[in-house]
Each structure stands twice: as structure tokens, then as C-alpha cells.
Amino acid sequence: MAERWVLDLLGKRIHLSVDGGCGGTTLGLHCAVDEIQGGGRVLWASPHMPNATRFSQLFSSLNIVEASRFHAMNLIGNMERCVDAIVEAEQNLPSVGLIVLDDWCEATGRIPSRNTKAVIDLKKRINESTTLLLISKAGTDVSGNGTEIKPRSEVILRDGGFEMWTLKETENKSKILFHNGKELSGKIEDSGFIF
């Protein structure tokens, strides 16, 4: 029988680089459901809300009280101000265990240094036990090896204390998550990622 992915996220600072359309937002929602089911609260910051169908599929396992512990925030405009709002929300809401910044930077090109500085500042200002998950589109690998995902701003973010995770899709549509030297393979179903 297929089982949902269980990821150890407690207190981690993660930059997840994804192939476009392979399930980065879904993985963020998967982690959000896990956090809420564990009694925590989630702050979700993005320029747009996740796909309504995927959102309702993943959140169908939560009751109305549990689902109310998901707080969506608009991630538009000055990144430093967005960080201030996220820090204030984390400090004022009880039991925040996960902060997700989905599509926190432009989909292509170099990530502006003001944005990387802002997320490194966010990492420093939140509770040590709160997980911070950044989700962005991967860069282009110019080395000629088209199978590898190239996290953008990798050196700066790694030096800033972030783990580098990548998510890609294979030709047969399975999803592969690389994290901490490990590889997790599976697929997406209504409940989230399964293996």
C-alpha cells in the first residue's frame, strides 16, 4: 500500500528548487497538512493562492478547526516589508511551526540580492523551532547536463544557513526529491506525495 512521504522538517531552513510544474507548491501544501495534523500552525506567503483543486484535495483530511490554522499572506511588493509582516504574524499567532514562501522570487533569472538578504534576515528573526521553507523555480544548467536541477543563489543561501533541496520530474512522471544526500522517489495523489 502506498504511504505518504514523511519529512523531518523541525526547525530546518530549506530552499527547495523545483522544475516548473513538477509539484513544488503541492509539496509545500503536503508539509503544511503534516504540520497542522501535528498540532501546529502554518504561515503561507505567496504572490498568489495555490490551485484551489489541489488545495482542497490535500486539505480534505483536515477538519474545519484544523484548517483554520493555515494562514495565507500576500507576498507582493517590498520583500523587507513582507518579512516584517511574517515575523509579526509568527510572534502573534500561537504554535507556528512552518512558514512557507512559495514563488518568493521571479521564476527566471538571478534572484535579486535584496530578496536573498531578506529571507536570510527572516531566518534569523523567527523562532529556532519554526521551519522555513522557500520554494522557487530552479535555474538553467549551462554545463550541458540537462538532467540536474540548478538551485539559484545556491552559494549565498547555503552560506546563509539554508539546506538545498531539489524536486524534479522524471520521464515517467515520478517525482524525485533530493535532500540531505538522500533521494526520495514517488508520485502525487490526492493526499499528497506518496511512495
C-alpha atoms as a PDB file:
ATOM      1  CA  MET A   1       0.000   0.000   0.000  1.00  0.00           C
ATOM      2  CA  ALA A   2       1.249   3.485  -0.852  1.00  0.00           C
ATOM      3  CA  GLU A   3       2.354   5.697   2.024  1.00  0.00           C
ATOM      4  CA  ARG A   4       2.616   9.494   2.259  1.00  0.00           C
ATOM      5  CA  TRP A   5       6.085  10.979   2.375  1.00  0.00           C
ATOM      6  CA  VAL A   6       7.101  11.916   5.913  1.00  0.00           C
ATOM      7  CA  LEU A   7       9.796  14.567   6.016  1.00  0.00           C
ATOM      8  CA  ASP A   8      11.757  15.674   9.063  1.00  0.00           C
ATOM      9  CA  LEU A   9      11.435  19.451   8.899  1.00  0.00           C
ATOM     10  CA  LEU A  10      11.566  20.584  12.523  1.00  0.00           C
ATOM     11  CA  GLY A  11      13.471  23.862  12.751  1.00  0.00           C
ATOM     12  CA  LYS A  12      15.069  23.496   9.320  1.00  0.00           C
ATOM     13  CA  ARG A  13      15.707  26.299   6.862  1.00  0.00           C
ATOM     14  CA  ILE A  14      15.188  24.878   3.375  1.00  0.00           C
ATOM     15  CA  HIS A  15      15.438  26.302  -0.118  1.00  0.00           C
ATOM     16  CA  LEU A  16      13.509  23.944  -2.403  1.00  0.00           C
ATOM     17  CA  SER A  17      14.361  24.406  -6.089  1.00  0.00           C
ATOM     18  CA  VAL A  18      11.921  22.778  -8.469  1.00  0.00           C
ATOM     19  CA  ASP A  19      11.428  22.086 -12.123  1.00  0.00           C
ATOM     20  CA  GLY A  20       8.475  24.241 -13.137  1.00  0.00           C
ATOM     21  CA  GLY A  21       5.146  22.438 -12.778  1.00  0.00           C
ATOM     22  CA  CYS A  22       6.537  19.331 -11.062  1.00  0.00           C
ATOM     23  CA  GLY A  23       4.818  19.838  -7.704  1.00  0.00           C
ATOM     24  CA  GLY A  24       6.720  22.366  -5.601  1.00  0.00           C
ATOM     25  CA  THR A  25       3.566  24.056  -4.319  1.00  0.00           C
ATOM     26  CA  THR A  26       1.990  20.639  -3.737  1.00  0.00           C
ATOM     27  CA  LEU A  27       4.997  19.594  -1.655  1.00  0.00           C
ATOM     28  CA  GLY A  28       4.656  22.796   0.374  1.00  0.00           C
ATOM     29  CA  LEU A  29       0.957  22.051   0.967  1.00  0.00           C
ATOM     30  CA  HIS A  30       1.818  18.441   1.843  1.00  0.00           C
ATOM     31  CA  CYS A  31       4.188  19.729   4.540  1.00  0.00           C
ATOM     32  CA  ALA A  32       1.539  22.232   5.704  1.00  0.00           C
ATOM     33  CA  VAL A  33      -1.005  19.441   6.227  1.00  0.00           C
ATOM     34  CA  ASP A  34       1.568  17.427   8.195  1.00  0.00           C
ATOM     35  CA  GLU A  35       2.338  20.446  10.406  1.00  0.00           C
ATOM     36  CA  ILE A  36      -1.335  21.144  11.072  1.00  0.00           C
ATOM     37  CA  GLN A  37      -2.094  17.492  11.809  1.00  0.00           C
ATOM     38  CA  GLY A  38       0.759  17.604  14.331  1.00  0.00           C
ATOM     39  CA  GLY A  39      -0.943  20.484  16.139  1.00  0.00           C
ATOM     40  CA  GLY A  40       0.997  23.345  14.576  1.00  0.00           C
ATOM     41  CA  ARG A  41       0.078  26.405  12.586  1.00  0.00           C
ATOM     42  CA  VAL A  42       1.252  27.384   9.080  1.00  0.00           C
ATOM     43  CA  LEU A  43       2.021  30.794   7.585  1.00  0.00           C
ATOM     44  CA  TRP A  44       1.864  30.605   3.784  1.00  0.00           C
ATOM     45  CA  ALA A  45       3.231  33.620   1.884  1.00  0.00           C
ATOM     46  CA  SER A  46       2.946  33.772  -1.886  1.00  0.00           C
ATOM     47  CA  PRO A  47       2.040  36.231  -4.645  1.00  0.00           C
ATOM     48  CA  HIS A  48      -0.977  34.003  -5.360  1.00  0.00           C
ATOM     49  CA  MET A  49      -3.026  31.316  -3.666  1.00  0.00           C
ATOM     50  CA  PRO A  50      -2.344  27.651  -4.507  1.00  0.00           C
ATOM     51  CA  ASN A  51      -4.549  25.914  -7.071  1.00  0.00           C
ATOM     52  CA  ALA A  52      -7.979  25.569  -5.428  1.00  0.00           C
ATOM     53  CA  THR A  53      -8.500  21.973  -6.564  1.00  0.00           C
ATOM     54  CA  ARG A  54      -5.120  20.765  -5.310  1.00  0.00           C
ATOM     55  CA  PHE A  55      -5.577  22.744  -2.082  1.00  0.00           C
ATOM     56  CA  SER A  56      -8.965  21.131  -1.350  1.00  0.00           C
ATOM     57  CA  GLN A  57      -7.645  17.644  -2.182  1.00  0.00           C
ATOM     58  CA  LEU A  58      -4.733  17.937   0.239  1.00  0.00           C
ATOM     59  CA  PHE A  59      -6.726  19.674   2.980  1.00  0.00           C
ATOM     60  CA  SER A  60      -9.682  17.248   2.812  1.00  0.00           C
ATOM     61  CA  SER A  61      -8.118  15.227   5.652  1.00  0.00           C
ATOM     62  CA  LEU A  62      -8.371  18.244   7.992  1.00  0.00           C
ATOM     63  CA  ASN A  63     -11.452  19.301   9.910  1.00  0.00           C
ATOM     64  CA  ILE A  64     -12.591  22.941   9.914  1.00  0.00           C
ATOM     65  CA  VAL A  65     -10.761  23.776  13.150  1.00  0.00           C
ATOM     66  CA  GLU A  66      -7.515  22.272  11.882  1.00  0.00           C
ATOM     67  CA  ALA A  67      -7.833  24.014   8.502  1.00  0.00           C
ATOM     68  CA  SER A  68      -8.200  27.366  10.296  1.00  0.00           C
ATOM     69  CA  ARG A  69      -4.546  27.025  11.369  1.00  0.00           C
ATOM     70  CA  PHE A  70      -3.459  27.747   7.779  1.00  0.00           C
ATOM     71  CA  HIS A  71      -2.848  31.474   7.307  1.00  0.00           C
ATOM     72  CA  ALA A  72      -2.273  32.823   3.805  1.00  0.00           C
ATOM     73  CA  MET A  73      -0.365  36.067   3.338  1.00  0.00           C
ATOM     74  CA  ASN A  74       0.197  38.120   0.205  1.00  0.00           C
ATOM     75  CA  LEU A  75       3.860  38.171  -0.858  1.00  0.00           C
ATOM     76  CA  ILE A  76       3.868  41.222  -3.129  1.00  0.00           C
ATOM     77  CA  GLY A  77       5.957  44.364  -3.049  1.00  0.00           C
ATOM     78  CA  ASN A  78       8.922  45.211  -0.883  1.00  0.00           C
ATOM     79  CA  MET A  79      10.438  41.960   0.394  1.00  0.00           C
ATOM     80  CA  GLU A  80      11.720  43.536   3.604  1.00  0.00           C
ATOM     81  CA  ARG A  81       8.180  44.669   4.494  1.00  0.00           C
ATOM     82  CA  CYS A  82       6.829  41.201   3.698  1.00  0.00           C
ATOM     83  CA  VAL A  83       9.441  39.715   6.048  1.00  0.00           C
ATOM     84  CA  ASP A  84       8.409  42.163   8.781  1.00  0.00           C
ATOM     85  CA  ALA A  85       4.758  41.097   8.372  1.00  0.00           C
ATOM     86  CA  ILE A  86       5.674  37.401   8.505  1.00  0.00           C
ATOM     87  CA  VAL A  87       7.791  37.872  11.646  1.00  0.00           C
ATOM     88  CA  GLU A  88       4.973  39.827  13.302  1.00  0.00           C
ATOM     89  CA  ALA A  89       2.445  37.091  12.437  1.00  0.00           C
ATOM     90  CA  GLU A  90       4.763  34.371  13.746  1.00  0.00           C
ATOM     91  CA  GLN A  91       5.213  36.252  17.011  1.00  0.00           C
ATOM     92  CA  ASN A  92       1.489  36.940  17.485  1.00  0.00           C
ATOM     93  CA  LEU A  93      -0.035  33.607  16.479  1.00  0.00           C
ATOM     94  CA  PRO A  94       0.377  30.587  18.748  1.00  0.00           C
ATOM     95  CA  SER A  95       2.142  27.403  17.675  1.00  0.00           C
ATOM     96  CA  VAL A  96       3.501  28.498  14.295  1.00  0.00           C
ATOM     97  CA  GLY A  97       5.609  25.544  13.207  1.00  0.00           C
ATOM     98  CA  LEU A  98       6.002  26.137   9.464  1.00  0.00           C
ATOM     99  CA  ILE A  99       6.485  29.214   7.305  1.00  0.00           C
ATOM    100  CA  VAL A 100       6.332  28.663   3.530  1.00  0.00           C
ATOM    101  CA  LEU A 101       7.368  31.270   0.972  1.00  0.00           C
ATOM    102  CA  ASP A 102       6.100  29.900  -2.330  1.00  0.00           C
ATOM    103  CA  ASP A 103       7.311  31.565  -5.525  1.00  0.00           C
ATOM    104  CA  TRP A 104       9.191  34.051  -3.339  1.00  0.00           C
ATOM    105  CA  CYS A 105      11.241  35.291  -6.279  1.00  0.00           C
ATOM    106  CA  GLU A 106      10.839  35.682 -10.015  1.00  0.00           C
ATOM    107  CA  ALA A 107      10.641  32.399 -11.930  1.00  0.00           C
ATOM    108  CA  THR A 108      13.745  33.078 -14.015  1.00  0.00           C
ATOM    109  CA  GLY A 109      16.987  34.980 -13.836  1.00  0.00           C
ATOM    110  CA  ARG A 110      19.210  35.887 -10.935  1.00  0.00           C
ATOM    111  CA  ILE A 111      17.463  36.286  -7.593  1.00  0.00           C
ATOM    112  CA  PRO A 112      17.919  39.928  -6.526  1.00  0.00           C
ATOM    113  CA  SER A 113      20.324  40.305  -3.599  1.00  0.00           C
ATOM    114  CA  ARG A 114      17.707  42.291  -1.635  1.00  0.00           C
ATOM    115  CA  ASN A 115      15.456  39.202  -1.729  1.00  0.00           C
ATOM    116  CA  THR A 116      18.171  36.788  -0.595  1.00  0.00           C
ATOM    117  CA  LYS A 117      19.172  39.215   2.167  1.00  0.00           C
ATOM    118  CA  ALA A 118      15.505  39.476   3.235  1.00  0.00           C
ATOM    119  CA  VAL A 119      14.996  35.709   3.535  1.00  0.00           C
ATOM    120  CA  ILE A 120      18.283  35.300   5.405  1.00  0.00           C
ATOM    121  CA  ASP A 121      17.065  38.042   7.758  1.00  0.00           C
ATOM    122  CA  LEU A 122      13.749  36.171   8.124  1.00  0.00           C
ATOM    123  CA  LYS A 123      15.642  33.001   9.008  1.00  0.00           C
ATOM    124  CA  LYS A 124      17.447  34.849  11.794  1.00  0.00           C
ATOM    125  CA  ARG A 125      14.333  36.511  13.205  1.00  0.00           C
ATOM    126  CA  ILE A 126      11.953  33.568  13.539  1.00  0.00           C
ATOM    127  CA  ASN A 127      11.805  31.026  16.336  1.00  0.00           C
ATOM    128  CA  GLU A 128      14.557  28.384  16.085  1.00  0.00           C
ATOM    129  CA  SER A 129      11.992  25.561  16.135  1.00  0.00           C
ATOM    130  CA  THR A 130       9.938  27.072  13.280  1.00  0.00           C
ATOM    131  CA  THR A 131      10.627  25.507   9.897  1.00  0.00           C
ATOM    132  CA  LEU A 132      11.207  27.916   7.000  1.00  0.00           C
ATOM    133  CA  LEU A 133      10.578  26.524   3.513  1.00  0.00           C
ATOM    134  CA  LEU A 134      11.383  28.636   0.444  1.00  0.00           C
ATOM    135  CA  ILE A 135      10.063  27.306  -2.866  1.00  0.00           C
ATOM    136  CA  SER A 136      11.345  28.634  -6.184  1.00  0.00           C
ATOM    137  CA  LYS A 137      11.853  27.579  -9.767  1.00  0.00           C
ATOM    138  CA  ALA A 138      15.281  26.138 -10.495  1.00  0.00           C
ATOM    139  CA  GLY A 139      17.809  27.827 -12.726  1.00  0.00           C
ATOM    140  CA  THR A 140      19.129  26.630 -16.049  1.00  0.00           C
ATOM    141  CA  ASP A 141      22.087  24.264 -16.043  1.00  0.00           C
ATOM    142  CA  VAL A 142      24.503  25.716 -18.589  1.00  0.00           C
ATOM    143  CA  SER A 143      27.044  22.891 -18.172  1.00  0.00           C
ATOM    144  CA  GLY A 144      25.247  20.805 -20.780  1.00  0.00           C
ATOM    145  CA  ASN A 145      23.908  18.246 -18.298  1.00  0.00           C
ATOM    146  CA  GLY A 146      20.181  18.890 -18.648  1.00  0.00           C
ATOM    147  CA  THR A 147      19.160  16.310 -16.060  1.00  0.00           C
ATOM    148  CA  GLU A 148      20.374  18.183 -12.983  1.00  0.00           C
ATOM    149  CA  ILE A 149      18.473  20.910 -11.190  1.00  0.00           C
ATOM    150  CA  LYS A 150      20.463  24.059 -10.504  1.00  0.00           C
ATOM    151  CA  PRO A 151      19.271  25.958  -7.409  1.00  0.00           C
ATOM    152  CA  ARG A 152      19.542  29.706  -7.963  1.00  0.00           C
ATOM    153  CA  SER A 153      21.553  31.718  -5.410  1.00  0.00           C
ATOM    154  CA  GLU A 154      22.763  28.395  -4.010  1.00  0.00           C
ATOM    155  CA  VAL A 155      26.036  29.637  -2.524  1.00  0.00           C
ATOM    156  CA  ILE A 156      24.514  32.726  -0.906  1.00  0.00           C
ATOM    157  CA  LEU A 157      21.593  30.816   0.612  1.00  0.00           C
ATOM    158  CA  ARG A 158      23.737  27.874   1.726  1.00  0.00           C
ATOM    159  CA  ASP A 159      26.163  30.301   3.376  1.00  0.00           C
ATOM    160  CA  GLY A 160      23.106  31.966   4.935  1.00  0.00           C
ATOM    161  CA  GLY A 161      22.157  28.710   6.654  1.00  0.00           C
ATOM    162  CA  PHE A 162      19.717  27.097   4.226  1.00  0.00           C
ATOM    163  CA  GLU A 163      19.708  23.448   3.177  1.00  0.00           C
ATOM    164  CA  MET A 164      19.422  22.982  -0.595  1.00  0.00           C
ATOM    165  CA  TRP A 165      16.657  20.588  -1.666  1.00  0.00           C
ATOM    166  CA  THR A 166      15.584  19.884  -5.254  1.00  0.00           C
ATOM    167  CA  LEU A 167      12.465  18.366  -6.773  1.00  0.00           C
ATOM    168  CA  LYS A 168      12.255  17.132 -10.333  1.00  0.00           C
ATOM    169  CA  GLU A 169      10.006  15.025 -12.515  1.00  0.00           C
ATOM    170  CA  THR A 170      11.220  12.029 -14.500  1.00  0.00           C
ATOM    171  CA  GLU A 171      10.101  10.989 -17.976  1.00  0.00           C
ATOM    172  CA  ASN A 172       7.599   8.539 -16.446  1.00  0.00           C
ATOM    173  CA  LYS A 173       6.137  11.397 -14.313  1.00  0.00           C
ATOM    174  CA  SER A 174       7.513  10.185 -10.984  1.00  0.00           C
ATOM    175  CA  LYS A 175       8.830  12.859  -8.642  1.00  0.00           C
ATOM    176  CA  ILE A 176      12.317  12.777  -7.139  1.00  0.00           C
ATOM    177  CA  LEU A 177      13.200  14.822  -4.064  1.00  0.00           C
ATOM    178  CA  PHE A 178      16.904  15.229  -3.266  1.00  0.00           C
ATOM    179  CA  HIS A 179      17.561  16.324   0.311  1.00  0.00           C
ATOM    180  CA  ASN A 180      20.439  15.897   2.758  1.00  0.00           C
ATOM    181  CA  GLY A 181      22.211  13.444   0.473  1.00  0.00           C
ATOM    182  CA  LYS A 182      19.081  11.292   0.182  1.00  0.00           C
ATOM    183  CA  GLU A 183      16.764  10.612  -2.716  1.00  0.00           C
ATOM    184  CA  LEU A 184      13.033  10.078  -2.268  1.00  0.00           C
ATOM    185  CA  SER A 185      11.003   8.921  -5.253  1.00  0.00           C
ATOM    186  CA  GLY A 186       7.232   8.825  -5.587  1.00  0.00           C
ATOM    187  CA  LYS A 187       4.201  10.363  -7.193  1.00  0.00           C
ATOM    188  CA  ILE A 188       1.451  12.835  -6.398  1.00  0.00           C
ATOM    189  CA  GLU A 189      -2.002  11.646  -5.400  1.00  0.00           C
ATOM    190  CA  ASP A 190      -4.933  13.495  -3.816  1.00  0.00           C
ATOM    191  CA  SER A 191      -3.429  13.073  -0.342  1.00  0.00           C
ATOM    192  CA  GLY A 192      -0.040  14.447  -1.405  1.00  0.00           C
ATOM    193  CA  PHE A 193       3.264  12.789  -2.236  1.00  0.00           C
ATOM    194  CA  ILE A 194       3.363   9.014  -1.844  1.00  0.00           C
ATOM    195  CA  PHE A 195       5.967   6.299  -2.392  1.00  0.00           C
END
